[in-house]
Each structure stands twice: as structure tokens, then as C-alpha cells.
């Protein structure tokens, strides 16, 4: 049994939001951060939008981060290791919770100082394939004054989650409204979705 997987699922089942500090190794987290910074320095990231397919819209008053999709086709060792870990988690999740997850998609997300993402759900109105949302953070030495918290709305109130390096957050894509508050320092993460196609 993978303790990190079990802890994430157990906390999700009890609070609607799973959180763990060690889903990925410190070495892999550092490698992913370095990869994102390299992509950023090469201007490889694109402005993020909302919606899907032909319905994608770009509105800086709603969302102002930049993204880059991870893909095994990149033949990048750190991305491959990331997907190996995610595949193991999906297998464990399907085996223990019968979720029927069949695929996933993930993107690097870079919030420059002053960036944000207003309140939203992750599941598209015209496509119900996204079942679970996952976010892993790549920010070392993050302080409260840096802002950029993930704020999740729950029936008992809101939960404010600091985007500290190594932390992974897990929740249902169609249930919890959430937002990224204005960040006062560059903020990096890998965000994605476990899907049932």
C-alpha cells in the first residue's frame, strides 16, 4: 500500500479536499520546477484560457496565468516520471474506490506577480469527462505575504491553501468552486485532471 496515496484519498473522503506534502519526491519536484523555469525562460508558455475546444476564451480579468501541457511525447525524463507516479495513483484509486478513471491531462501553470484566477469549477459544461482535479505546487520558501493561495469553497466555509513546494491537492472537479487569489510573487504549479472518457 502506498501511504501517500491512502492519506490523500482518506483526507478527501473525510473533508472533500485531499492534501499531502509528499506525493512526489523532493528530487522530482525540484526537477519539474527547473523544467518549468526553463520553459518560461524560452517563452514556451502560452496564455491560459477558459472553456474547451472551439469555446476557449482568453480574458485576463478572469484568468491571467500562462500554461504548458505536459506530454509523454516530449521525451522529458521528469515529465515521464511525473506521469508514472500519476498512473500508479490512478491504478490505486480505481482499485480501492472503483472510480473508473481512464486518462489524465496536466499542465504547468506559471502565475507572474499580480496574476490570479477567479472563482470557477473545473468541469466543462459541455463535457463531463473531468472527474478529479489535482494540483501540485513548486514554490520553495513561500510565505503568507506572497498571496496566491488556492481558496476552495465548501459547505462549512472556505479553505485557504498555501501553494508551498511539494504540496498536492485533490478534489472533485464538479463539486467545489475555487480560485487563485492574486499572487505577489511568481507562483508555479502543475494542475490537471483525472478523467473518465
N, C-alpha and C. Protein backbone atom coordinates (compact mmCIF):
# COMPACT_ATOMS: atom_id res chain seq x y z
N UNK A 1 0.84 -1.21 0.00
CA UNK A 1 0.00 0.00 0.00
C UNK A 1 0.88 1.25 0.00
N UNK A 2 0.56 2.23 -0.82
CA UNK A 2 1.27 3.49 -0.84
C UNK A 2 0.63 4.43 0.17
N UNK A 3 1.37 4.74 1.22
CA UNK A 3 0.83 5.56 2.31
C UNK A 3 0.39 6.93 1.82
N UNK A 4 1.17 7.54 0.92
CA UNK A 4 0.82 8.87 0.41
C UNK A 4 -0.50 8.83 -0.37
N UNK A 5 -0.70 7.78 -1.16
CA UNK A 5 -1.95 7.63 -1.89
C UNK A 5 -3.11 7.48 -0.90
N UNK A 6 -2.93 6.61 0.07
CA UNK A 6 -4.00 6.33 1.03
C UNK A 6 -4.34 7.58 1.85
N UNK A 7 -3.32 8.32 2.27
CA UNK A 7 -3.56 9.54 3.05
C UNK A 7 -4.32 10.57 2.24
N UNK A 8 -3.98 10.71 0.97
CA UNK A 8 -4.65 11.67 0.11
C UNK A 8 -6.12 11.30 -0.06
N UNK A 9 -6.39 10.03 -0.32
CA UNK A 9 -7.77 9.57 -0.51
C UNK A 9 -8.57 9.67 0.79
N UNK A 10 -7.97 9.27 1.89
CA UNK A 10 -8.67 9.30 3.18
C UNK A 10 -9.07 10.71 3.56
N UNK A 11 -8.16 11.66 3.36
CA UNK A 11 -8.48 13.05 3.70
C UNK A 11 -9.55 13.60 2.75
N UNK A 12 -9.47 13.23 1.47
CA UNK A 12 -10.50 13.65 0.53
C UNK A 12 -11.88 13.13 0.96
N UNK A 13 -11.96 11.87 1.34
CA UNK A 13 -13.24 11.27 1.72
C UNK A 13 -13.82 11.91 2.97
N UNK A 14 -12.97 12.41 3.85
CA UNK A 14 -13.46 12.98 5.10
C UNK A 14 -13.71 14.48 5.03
N UNK A 15 -13.04 15.19 4.10
CA UNK A 15 -13.15 16.65 4.08
C UNK A 15 -13.47 17.24 2.70
N UNK A 16 -13.59 16.41 1.66
CA UNK A 16 -13.80 16.83 0.27
C UNK A 16 -12.54 17.33 -0.41
N UNK A 17 -11.46 17.53 0.36
CA UNK A 17 -10.20 18.01 -0.20
C UNK A 17 -9.06 17.16 0.35
N UNK A 18 -8.41 16.40 -0.52
CA UNK A 18 -7.23 15.65 -0.11
C UNK A 18 -6.00 16.52 -0.22
N UNK A 19 -5.13 16.48 0.79
CA UNK A 19 -3.88 17.25 0.76
C UNK A 19 -2.77 16.37 1.32
N UNK A 20 -1.65 16.32 0.60
CA UNK A 20 -0.47 15.63 1.10
C UNK A 20 0.76 16.45 0.76
N UNK A 21 1.79 16.32 1.56
CA UNK A 21 3.02 17.10 1.36
C UNK A 21 4.08 16.34 0.58
N UNK A 22 3.89 15.03 0.37
CA UNK A 22 4.97 14.21 -0.19
C UNK A 22 4.50 13.29 -1.31
N UNK A 23 3.57 13.74 -2.14
CA UNK A 23 3.07 12.90 -3.22
C UNK A 23 4.18 12.60 -4.22
N UNK A 24 4.99 13.61 -4.53
CA UNK A 24 6.15 13.45 -5.39
C UNK A 24 7.41 13.62 -4.56
N UNK A 25 8.47 12.96 -4.95
CA UNK A 25 9.73 13.08 -4.21
C UNK A 25 10.28 14.50 -4.33
N UNK A 26 11.12 14.88 -3.38
CA UNK A 26 11.73 16.21 -3.41
C UNK A 26 12.60 16.37 -4.65
N UNK A 27 13.26 15.30 -5.05
CA UNK A 27 14.12 15.36 -6.24
C UNK A 27 13.28 15.61 -7.49
N UNK A 28 12.18 14.86 -7.64
CA UNK A 28 11.33 15.05 -8.81
C UNK A 28 10.68 16.42 -8.80
N UNK A 29 10.24 16.89 -7.65
CA UNK A 29 9.64 18.21 -7.55
C UNK A 29 10.62 19.29 -8.00
N UNK A 30 11.87 19.16 -7.58
CA UNK A 30 12.90 20.13 -7.98
C UNK A 30 13.15 20.06 -9.48
N UNK A 31 13.15 18.87 -10.05
CA UNK A 31 13.37 18.70 -11.49
C UNK A 31 12.23 19.31 -12.30
N UNK A 32 11.00 19.11 -11.83
CA UNK A 32 9.84 19.67 -12.52
C UNK A 32 9.86 21.20 -12.45
N UNK A 33 10.25 21.73 -11.31
CA UNK A 33 10.36 23.18 -11.17
C UNK A 33 11.41 23.73 -12.13
N UNK A 34 12.56 23.08 -12.21
CA UNK A 34 13.62 23.51 -13.12
C UNK A 34 13.14 23.46 -14.57
N UNK A 35 12.39 22.42 -14.91
CA UNK A 35 11.86 22.30 -16.26
C UNK A 35 10.90 23.43 -16.58
N UNK A 36 10.02 23.75 -15.63
CA UNK A 36 9.07 24.84 -15.85
C UNK A 36 9.80 26.17 -16.02
N UNK A 37 10.80 26.43 -15.19
CA UNK A 37 11.55 27.68 -15.30
C UNK A 37 12.27 27.78 -16.64
N UNK A 38 12.78 26.65 -17.14
CA UNK A 38 13.44 26.63 -18.45
C UNK A 38 12.43 26.96 -19.55
N UNK A 39 11.27 26.34 -19.49
CA UNK A 39 10.23 26.61 -20.48
C UNK A 39 9.80 28.07 -20.44
N UNK A 40 9.70 28.61 -19.22
CA UNK A 40 9.31 30.02 -19.06
C UNK A 40 10.36 30.94 -19.68
N UNK A 41 11.64 30.64 -19.42
CA UNK A 41 12.73 31.47 -19.95
C UNK A 41 12.81 31.40 -21.48
N UNK A 42 12.32 30.30 -22.05
CA UNK A 42 12.31 30.12 -23.51
C UNK A 42 11.02 30.65 -24.15
N UNK A 43 10.17 31.28 -23.34
CA UNK A 43 8.89 31.80 -23.84
C UNK A 43 8.02 30.72 -24.46
N UNK A 44 8.07 29.52 -23.87
CA UNK A 44 7.31 28.39 -24.39
C UNK A 44 5.90 28.30 -23.81
N UNK A 45 5.60 29.09 -22.78
CA UNK A 45 4.28 29.05 -22.17
C UNK A 45 3.32 29.94 -22.94
N UNK A 46 2.05 29.54 -22.93
CA UNK A 46 1.01 30.29 -23.62
C UNK A 46 -0.02 30.83 -22.63
N UNK A 47 -0.65 31.93 -22.99
CA UNK A 47 -1.70 32.49 -22.13
C UNK A 47 -2.80 31.47 -21.92
N UNK A 48 -3.21 31.28 -20.68
CA UNK A 48 -4.25 30.31 -20.36
C UNK A 48 -5.62 30.87 -20.71
N UNK A 49 -6.51 29.96 -21.09
CA UNK A 49 -7.87 30.36 -21.40
C UNK A 49 -8.86 29.62 -20.53
N UNK A 50 -10.13 29.85 -20.76
CA UNK A 50 -11.20 29.10 -20.10
C UNK A 50 -12.08 28.49 -21.17
N UNK A 51 -12.73 27.38 -20.84
CA UNK A 51 -13.53 26.68 -21.82
C UNK A 51 -12.67 25.66 -22.57
N UNK A 52 -13.28 24.96 -23.52
CA UNK A 52 -12.57 23.90 -24.24
C UNK A 52 -12.89 23.95 -25.73
N UNK A 53 -12.00 23.31 -26.50
CA UNK A 53 -12.16 23.22 -27.94
C UNK A 53 -12.41 24.60 -28.57
N UNK A 54 -13.45 24.71 -29.37
CA UNK A 54 -13.72 25.99 -30.04
C UNK A 54 -14.31 27.03 -29.08
N UNK A 55 -14.65 26.60 -27.88
CA UNK A 55 -15.25 27.52 -26.91
C UNK A 55 -14.21 28.18 -26.01
N UNK A 56 -12.91 27.96 -26.27
CA UNK A 56 -11.87 28.55 -25.44
C UNK A 56 -11.91 30.07 -25.57
N UNK A 57 -11.85 30.73 -24.41
CA UNK A 57 -11.83 32.19 -24.37
C UNK A 57 -10.65 32.65 -23.55
N UNK A 58 -10.05 33.78 -23.94
CA UNK A 58 -8.95 34.38 -23.18
C UNK A 58 -9.43 35.71 -22.63
N UNK A 59 -9.42 35.82 -21.31
CA UNK A 59 -9.89 37.02 -20.64
C UNK A 59 -9.02 37.23 -19.40
N UNK A 60 -8.14 38.22 -19.45
CA UNK A 60 -7.22 38.47 -18.33
C UNK A 60 -7.92 38.94 -17.07
N UNK A 61 -9.20 39.28 -17.18
CA UNK A 61 -9.94 39.66 -15.98
C UNK A 61 -10.50 38.44 -15.26
N UNK A 62 -10.41 37.27 -15.90
CA UNK A 62 -10.86 36.01 -15.31
C UNK A 62 -9.66 35.15 -14.90
N UNK A 63 -8.68 35.08 -15.79
CA UNK A 63 -7.52 34.21 -15.56
C UNK A 63 -6.30 34.82 -16.23
N UNK A 64 -5.17 34.90 -15.50
CA UNK A 64 -4.01 35.59 -16.08
C UNK A 64 -2.71 34.80 -15.96
N UNK A 65 -2.81 33.47 -15.79
CA UNK A 65 -1.60 32.65 -15.76
C UNK A 65 -1.22 32.21 -17.16
N UNK A 66 -0.05 31.58 -17.28
CA UNK A 66 0.42 31.01 -18.54
C UNK A 66 0.66 29.52 -18.34
N UNK A 67 0.45 28.72 -19.38
CA UNK A 67 0.49 27.26 -19.23
C UNK A 67 1.33 26.58 -20.30
N UNK A 68 1.66 25.33 -20.03
CA UNK A 68 2.35 24.46 -20.98
C UNK A 68 1.92 23.03 -20.66
N UNK A 69 1.35 22.32 -21.64
CA UNK A 69 0.83 20.98 -21.40
C UNK A 69 1.96 19.95 -21.29
N UNK A 70 1.92 19.12 -20.27
CA UNK A 70 2.85 18.01 -20.16
C UNK A 70 2.41 16.90 -21.11
N UNK A 71 3.38 16.16 -21.65
CA UNK A 71 3.05 15.11 -22.61
C UNK A 71 4.22 14.13 -22.68
N UNK A 72 3.91 12.84 -22.64
CA UNK A 72 4.97 11.83 -22.77
C UNK A 72 5.70 11.96 -24.11
N UNK A 73 5.06 12.54 -25.10
CA UNK A 73 5.70 12.71 -26.40
C UNK A 73 6.90 13.66 -26.35
N UNK A 74 7.01 14.43 -25.27
CA UNK A 74 8.15 15.34 -25.13
C UNK A 74 9.45 14.59 -24.84
N UNK A 75 9.33 13.32 -24.41
CA UNK A 75 10.51 12.53 -24.04
C UNK A 75 11.36 13.25 -23.00
N UNK A 76 10.67 13.86 -22.04
CA UNK A 76 11.33 14.56 -20.95
C UNK A 76 11.31 13.66 -19.72
N UNK A 77 12.48 13.40 -19.14
CA UNK A 77 12.58 12.42 -18.06
C UNK A 77 11.73 12.80 -16.85
N UNK A 78 11.71 14.07 -16.48
CA UNK A 78 10.93 14.47 -15.30
C UNK A 78 9.43 14.39 -15.57
N UNK A 79 9.00 14.75 -16.79
CA UNK A 79 7.58 14.62 -17.13
C UNK A 79 7.18 13.15 -17.15
N UNK A 80 8.04 12.29 -17.69
CA UNK A 80 7.73 10.86 -17.71
C UNK A 80 7.61 10.31 -16.29
N UNK A 81 8.51 10.72 -15.40
CA UNK A 81 8.45 10.27 -14.00
C UNK A 81 7.18 10.79 -13.33
N UNK A 82 6.79 12.00 -13.68
CA UNK A 82 5.54 12.57 -13.15
C UNK A 82 4.36 11.69 -13.57
N UNK A 83 4.28 11.36 -14.85
CA UNK A 83 3.17 10.55 -15.34
C UNK A 83 3.21 9.13 -14.79
N UNK A 84 4.40 8.58 -14.56
CA UNK A 84 4.49 7.26 -13.94
C UNK A 84 3.84 7.27 -12.57
N UNK A 85 4.12 8.31 -11.80
CA UNK A 85 3.54 8.42 -10.46
C UNK A 85 2.02 8.61 -10.53
N UNK A 86 1.56 9.44 -11.45
CA UNK A 86 0.13 9.65 -11.62
C UNK A 86 -0.56 8.36 -12.06
N UNK A 87 0.06 7.63 -12.98
CA UNK A 87 -0.51 6.35 -13.43
C UNK A 87 -0.65 5.37 -12.27
N UNK A 88 0.35 5.34 -11.40
CA UNK A 88 0.28 4.47 -10.21
C UNK A 88 -0.87 4.89 -9.31
N UNK A 89 -1.05 6.20 -9.15
CA UNK A 89 -2.14 6.70 -8.31
C UNK A 89 -3.50 6.36 -8.91
N UNK A 90 -3.64 6.53 -10.22
CA UNK A 90 -4.90 6.19 -10.89
C UNK A 90 -5.22 4.72 -10.70
N UNK A 91 -4.22 3.86 -10.86
CA UNK A 91 -4.43 2.43 -10.66
C UNK A 91 -4.89 2.13 -9.24
N UNK A 92 -4.26 2.78 -8.26
CA UNK A 92 -4.64 2.59 -6.86
C UNK A 92 -6.04 3.12 -6.59
N UNK A 93 -6.34 4.29 -7.14
CA UNK A 93 -7.66 4.91 -6.95
C UNK A 93 -8.76 4.04 -7.54
N UNK A 94 -8.52 3.52 -8.74
CA UNK A 94 -9.52 2.66 -9.39
C UNK A 94 -9.71 1.36 -8.61
N UNK A 95 -8.62 0.83 -8.09
CA UNK A 95 -8.68 -0.45 -7.38
C UNK A 95 -9.37 -0.32 -6.03
N UNK A 96 -9.14 0.79 -5.33
CA UNK A 96 -9.67 0.95 -3.98
C UNK A 96 -11.01 1.67 -3.93
N UNK A 97 -11.28 2.53 -4.92
CA UNK A 97 -12.50 3.35 -4.88
C UNK A 97 -13.41 3.15 -6.10
N UNK A 98 -13.00 2.28 -7.01
CA UNK A 98 -13.83 1.94 -8.18
C UNK A 98 -14.26 3.20 -8.95
N UNK A 99 -13.30 4.10 -9.22
CA UNK A 99 -13.64 5.38 -9.85
C UNK A 99 -13.74 5.31 -11.36
N UNK A 100 -13.14 4.30 -11.99
CA UNK A 100 -13.22 4.16 -13.43
C UNK A 100 -12.46 5.22 -14.21
N UNK A 101 -11.40 5.78 -13.62
CA UNK A 101 -10.59 6.77 -14.32
C UNK A 101 -9.86 6.09 -15.47
N UNK A 102 -9.89 6.72 -16.65
CA UNK A 102 -9.27 6.11 -17.84
C UNK A 102 -8.14 6.94 -18.43
N UNK A 103 -8.02 8.21 -18.06
CA UNK A 103 -6.96 9.05 -18.62
C UNK A 103 -6.72 10.26 -17.73
N UNK A 104 -5.74 11.06 -18.13
CA UNK A 104 -5.45 12.28 -17.37
C UNK A 104 -4.86 13.32 -18.30
N UNK A 105 -4.84 14.55 -17.85
CA UNK A 105 -4.17 15.64 -18.56
C UNK A 105 -3.63 16.62 -17.52
N UNK A 106 -2.42 17.12 -17.77
CA UNK A 106 -1.77 18.02 -16.81
C UNK A 106 -1.04 19.13 -17.55
N UNK A 107 -0.96 20.28 -16.88
CA UNK A 107 -0.27 21.43 -17.45
C UNK A 107 0.57 22.13 -16.39
N UNK A 108 1.73 22.63 -16.81
CA UNK A 108 2.45 23.58 -15.96
C UNK A 108 1.64 24.86 -15.94
N UNK A 109 1.65 25.53 -14.81
CA UNK A 109 0.97 26.82 -14.71
C UNK A 109 1.90 27.81 -14.01
N UNK A 110 2.13 28.94 -14.65
CA UNK A 110 3.02 29.97 -14.11
C UNK A 110 2.23 31.25 -13.93
N UNK A 111 2.15 31.72 -12.68
CA UNK A 111 1.48 32.98 -12.36
C UNK A 111 2.56 34.02 -12.10
N UNK A 112 2.68 34.99 -12.98
CA UNK A 112 3.57 36.09 -12.71
C UNK A 112 2.99 36.94 -11.58
N UNK A 113 3.81 37.76 -10.96
CA UNK A 113 3.34 38.64 -9.90
C UNK A 113 2.14 39.46 -10.38
N UNK A 114 1.08 39.46 -9.59
CA UNK A 114 -0.15 40.18 -9.95
C UNK A 114 -1.19 39.32 -10.65
N UNK A 115 -0.84 38.05 -10.93
CA UNK A 115 -1.77 37.16 -11.63
C UNK A 115 -2.76 36.51 -10.67
N UNK A 116 -3.85 35.95 -11.22
CA UNK A 116 -4.92 35.35 -10.42
C UNK A 116 -5.79 34.49 -11.33
N UNK A 117 -6.74 33.81 -10.70
CA UNK A 117 -7.76 33.04 -11.44
C UNK A 117 -9.04 33.12 -10.62
N UNK A 118 -10.07 33.72 -11.17
CA UNK A 118 -11.31 33.94 -10.44
C UNK A 118 -12.05 32.62 -10.18
N UNK A 119 -13.07 32.69 -9.37
CA UNK A 119 -13.81 31.52 -8.89
C UNK A 119 -14.40 30.72 -10.06
N UNK A 120 -14.23 29.38 -10.00
CA UNK A 120 -14.70 28.54 -11.10
C UNK A 120 -14.78 27.08 -10.66
N UNK A 121 -15.46 26.27 -11.47
CA UNK A 121 -15.41 24.82 -11.38
C UNK A 121 -14.52 24.31 -12.50
N UNK A 122 -13.92 23.14 -12.32
CA UNK A 122 -13.01 22.61 -13.33
C UNK A 122 -13.70 21.78 -14.41
N UNK A 123 -14.90 21.32 -14.17
CA UNK A 123 -15.58 20.51 -15.18
C UNK A 123 -16.29 21.43 -16.17
N UNK A 124 -16.10 21.13 -17.46
CA UNK A 124 -16.75 21.93 -18.50
C UNK A 124 -18.25 21.65 -18.53
N UNK A 125 -19.02 22.64 -18.93
CA UNK A 125 -20.47 22.47 -19.04
C UNK A 125 -20.83 21.52 -20.18
N UNK A 126 -19.99 21.48 -21.21
CA UNK A 126 -20.30 20.66 -22.39
C UNK A 126 -19.50 19.36 -22.45
N UNK A 127 -18.80 19.02 -21.36
CA UNK A 127 -18.00 17.80 -21.33
C UNK A 127 -17.80 17.38 -19.88
N UNK A 128 -18.29 16.19 -19.54
CA UNK A 128 -18.25 15.74 -18.14
C UNK A 128 -17.10 14.79 -17.85
N UNK A 129 -16.08 14.76 -18.70
CA UNK A 129 -15.01 13.76 -18.54
C UNK A 129 -14.11 14.03 -17.34
N UNK A 130 -13.94 15.28 -16.94
CA UNK A 130 -13.09 15.57 -15.79
C UNK A 130 -13.79 15.15 -14.50
N UNK A 131 -13.15 14.24 -13.77
CA UNK A 131 -13.74 13.72 -12.53
C UNK A 131 -13.05 14.31 -11.30
N UNK A 132 -11.73 14.25 -11.27
CA UNK A 132 -10.96 14.77 -10.14
C UNK A 132 -9.94 15.80 -10.61
N UNK A 133 -9.74 16.81 -9.80
CA UNK A 133 -8.71 17.82 -10.05
C UNK A 133 -7.53 17.58 -9.12
N UNK A 134 -6.32 17.79 -9.64
CA UNK A 134 -5.11 17.65 -8.83
C UNK A 134 -4.20 18.84 -9.12
N UNK A 135 -3.62 19.41 -8.08
CA UNK A 135 -2.65 20.49 -8.23
C UNK A 135 -1.45 20.18 -7.35
N UNK A 136 -0.26 20.26 -7.93
CA UNK A 136 0.98 20.08 -7.17
C UNK A 136 1.80 21.36 -7.29
N UNK A 137 2.32 21.84 -6.17
CA UNK A 137 2.98 23.14 -6.13
C UNK A 137 4.50 23.02 -6.14
N UNK A 138 5.15 24.04 -6.76
CA UNK A 138 6.60 24.03 -6.98
C UNK A 138 7.26 25.28 -6.42
N UNK A 139 6.72 25.81 -5.32
CA UNK A 139 7.18 27.10 -4.79
C UNK A 139 7.92 26.94 -3.47
N UNK A 140 9.24 27.06 -3.51
CA UNK A 140 10.04 26.98 -2.28
C UNK A 140 10.01 28.32 -1.55
N UNK A 141 10.16 28.27 -0.24
CA UNK A 141 10.24 29.48 0.59
C UNK A 141 9.02 30.39 0.44
N UNK A 142 7.85 29.79 0.20
CA UNK A 142 6.63 30.58 0.05
C UNK A 142 6.17 31.09 1.40
N UNK A 143 5.79 32.38 1.45
CA UNK A 143 5.33 32.99 2.69
C UNK A 143 3.90 33.51 2.53
N UNK A 144 3.22 33.68 3.66
CA UNK A 144 1.82 34.12 3.63
C UNK A 144 1.68 35.43 2.85
N UNK A 145 2.64 36.33 3.00
CA UNK A 145 2.57 37.63 2.34
C UNK A 145 2.64 37.52 0.81
N UNK A 146 3.09 36.36 0.31
CA UNK A 146 3.20 36.16 -1.14
C UNK A 146 1.83 35.95 -1.80
N UNK A 147 0.78 35.74 -0.98
CA UNK A 147 -0.56 35.56 -1.53
C UNK A 147 -0.65 34.29 -2.36
N UNK A 148 -1.43 34.34 -3.45
CA UNK A 148 -1.52 33.21 -4.36
C UNK A 148 -2.12 31.96 -3.77
N UNK A 149 -2.88 32.09 -2.68
CA UNK A 149 -3.49 30.92 -2.07
C UNK A 149 -4.57 30.33 -2.98
N UNK A 150 -4.72 29.02 -2.92
CA UNK A 150 -5.88 28.36 -3.51
C UNK A 150 -7.00 28.46 -2.48
N UNK A 151 -8.10 29.08 -2.87
CA UNK A 151 -9.24 29.25 -1.96
C UNK A 151 -10.38 28.37 -2.47
N UNK A 152 -10.76 27.40 -1.66
CA UNK A 152 -11.78 26.42 -2.05
C UNK A 152 -13.03 26.65 -1.22
N UNK A 153 -14.19 26.76 -1.88
CA UNK A 153 -15.47 26.98 -1.21
C UNK A 153 -16.08 25.64 -0.81
N UNK A 154 -16.41 25.49 0.46
CA UNK A 154 -17.07 24.29 0.96
C UNK A 154 -18.34 24.67 1.69
N UNK A 155 -19.18 23.70 1.98
CA UNK A 155 -20.43 23.99 2.67
C UNK A 155 -20.18 24.55 4.06
N UNK A 156 -19.05 24.22 4.65
CA UNK A 156 -18.73 24.70 6.00
C UNK A 156 -17.91 25.98 5.97
N UNK A 157 -17.71 26.55 4.79
CA UNK A 157 -16.90 27.76 4.65
C UNK A 157 -15.81 27.54 3.63
N UNK A 158 -14.85 28.45 3.59
CA UNK A 158 -13.78 28.33 2.62
C UNK A 158 -12.50 27.83 3.26
N UNK A 159 -11.71 27.13 2.48
CA UNK A 159 -10.41 26.66 2.92
C UNK A 159 -9.35 27.36 2.09
N UNK A 160 -8.36 27.91 2.76
CA UNK A 160 -7.30 28.67 2.11
C UNK A 160 -6.02 27.84 2.18
N UNK A 161 -5.49 27.47 1.00
CA UNK A 161 -4.37 26.54 0.93
C UNK A 161 -3.16 27.26 0.34
N UNK A 162 -2.06 27.27 1.10
CA UNK A 162 -0.83 27.91 0.63
C UNK A 162 -0.15 27.03 -0.41
N UNK A 163 0.36 27.61 -1.51
CA UNK A 163 0.95 26.84 -2.60
C UNK A 163 2.42 26.49 -2.35
N UNK A 164 2.69 25.82 -1.26
CA UNK A 164 4.08 25.53 -0.88
C UNK A 164 4.63 24.32 -1.61
N UNK A 165 5.92 24.35 -1.89
CA UNK A 165 6.56 23.31 -2.70
C UNK A 165 6.35 21.92 -2.10
N UNK A 166 5.96 20.97 -2.96
CA UNK A 166 5.75 19.59 -2.53
C UNK A 166 4.32 19.25 -2.18
N UNK A 167 3.48 20.26 -1.99
CA UNK A 167 2.09 20.01 -1.61
C UNK A 167 1.25 19.63 -2.83
N UNK A 168 0.41 18.60 -2.67
CA UNK A 168 -0.53 18.19 -3.71
C UNK A 168 -1.94 18.24 -3.15
N UNK A 169 -2.86 18.78 -3.93
CA UNK A 169 -4.26 18.94 -3.53
C UNK A 169 -5.13 18.16 -4.52
N UNK A 170 -6.20 17.52 -3.98
CA UNK A 170 -7.03 16.60 -4.77
C UNK A 170 -8.49 16.80 -4.40
N UNK A 171 -9.38 17.02 -5.39
CA UNK A 171 -10.80 17.20 -5.10
C UNK A 171 -11.62 16.93 -6.35
N UNK A 172 -12.95 16.81 -6.18
CA UNK A 172 -13.85 16.54 -7.31
C UNK A 172 -13.94 17.78 -8.20
N UNK A 173 -13.86 17.57 -9.50
CA UNK A 173 -13.82 18.68 -10.45
C UNK A 173 -15.14 19.43 -10.57
N UNK A 174 -16.25 18.75 -10.28
CA UNK A 174 -17.56 19.39 -10.50
C UNK A 174 -18.25 19.83 -9.21
N UNK A 175 -17.56 19.73 -8.08
CA UNK A 175 -18.23 19.99 -6.81
C UNK A 175 -17.80 21.28 -6.11
N UNK A 176 -16.52 21.61 -6.17
CA UNK A 176 -16.01 22.70 -5.34
C UNK A 176 -15.57 23.90 -6.16
N UNK A 177 -16.26 25.02 -5.97
CA UNK A 177 -15.80 26.27 -6.55
C UNK A 177 -14.47 26.65 -5.90
N UNK A 178 -13.54 27.13 -6.71
CA UNK A 178 -12.25 27.51 -6.16
C UNK A 178 -11.65 28.64 -6.99
N UNK A 179 -10.65 29.30 -6.43
CA UNK A 179 -9.99 30.40 -7.11
C UNK A 179 -8.54 30.49 -6.65
N UNK A 180 -7.74 31.19 -7.42
CA UNK A 180 -6.37 31.52 -7.01
C UNK A 180 -6.34 33.02 -6.75
N UNK A 181 -6.05 33.39 -5.50
CA UNK A 181 -6.02 34.82 -5.19
C UNK A 181 -4.79 35.47 -5.83
N UNK A 182 -4.80 36.77 -5.93
CA UNK A 182 -3.69 37.50 -6.54
C UNK A 182 -2.38 37.10 -5.88
N UNK A 183 -1.39 36.77 -6.71
CA UNK A 183 -0.10 36.38 -6.19
C UNK A 183 0.86 37.58 -6.19
N UNK A 184 1.66 37.67 -5.14
CA UNK A 184 2.60 38.78 -5.00
C UNK A 184 4.03 38.33 -5.26
N UNK A 185 4.16 37.13 -5.78
CA UNK A 185 5.46 36.58 -6.17
C UNK A 185 5.19 35.57 -7.27
N UNK A 186 6.17 35.26 -8.11
CA UNK A 186 5.94 34.24 -9.14
C UNK A 186 5.49 32.93 -8.50
N UNK A 187 4.43 32.33 -9.05
CA UNK A 187 3.80 31.15 -8.46
C UNK A 187 3.74 30.03 -9.50
N UNK A 188 4.26 28.85 -9.14
CA UNK A 188 4.38 27.75 -10.09
C UNK A 188 3.66 26.51 -9.58
N UNK A 189 3.03 25.80 -10.52
CA UNK A 189 2.33 24.57 -10.15
C UNK A 189 2.18 23.67 -11.37
N UNK A 190 1.75 22.45 -11.11
CA UNK A 190 1.27 21.55 -12.16
C UNK A 190 -0.17 21.23 -11.81
N UNK A 191 -1.08 21.60 -12.69
CA UNK A 191 -2.51 21.38 -12.45
C UNK A 191 -3.05 20.43 -13.51
N UNK A 192 -3.98 19.59 -13.09
CA UNK A 192 -4.54 18.66 -14.06
C UNK A 192 -5.77 17.95 -13.57
N UNK A 193 -6.21 16.99 -14.38
CA UNK A 193 -7.48 16.35 -14.14
C UNK A 193 -7.39 14.85 -14.45
N UNK A 194 -8.01 14.06 -13.58
CA UNK A 194 -8.17 12.64 -13.83
C UNK A 194 -9.54 12.49 -14.49
N UNK A 195 -9.58 11.75 -15.61
CA UNK A 195 -10.76 11.78 -16.48
C UNK A 195 -11.36 10.40 -16.67
N UNK A 196 -12.65 10.41 -16.93
CA UNK A 196 -13.38 9.21 -17.32
C UNK A 196 -13.93 9.43 -18.71
N UNK A 197 -13.25 8.89 -19.71
CA UNK A 197 -13.62 9.16 -21.11
C UNK A 197 -14.74 8.27 -21.59
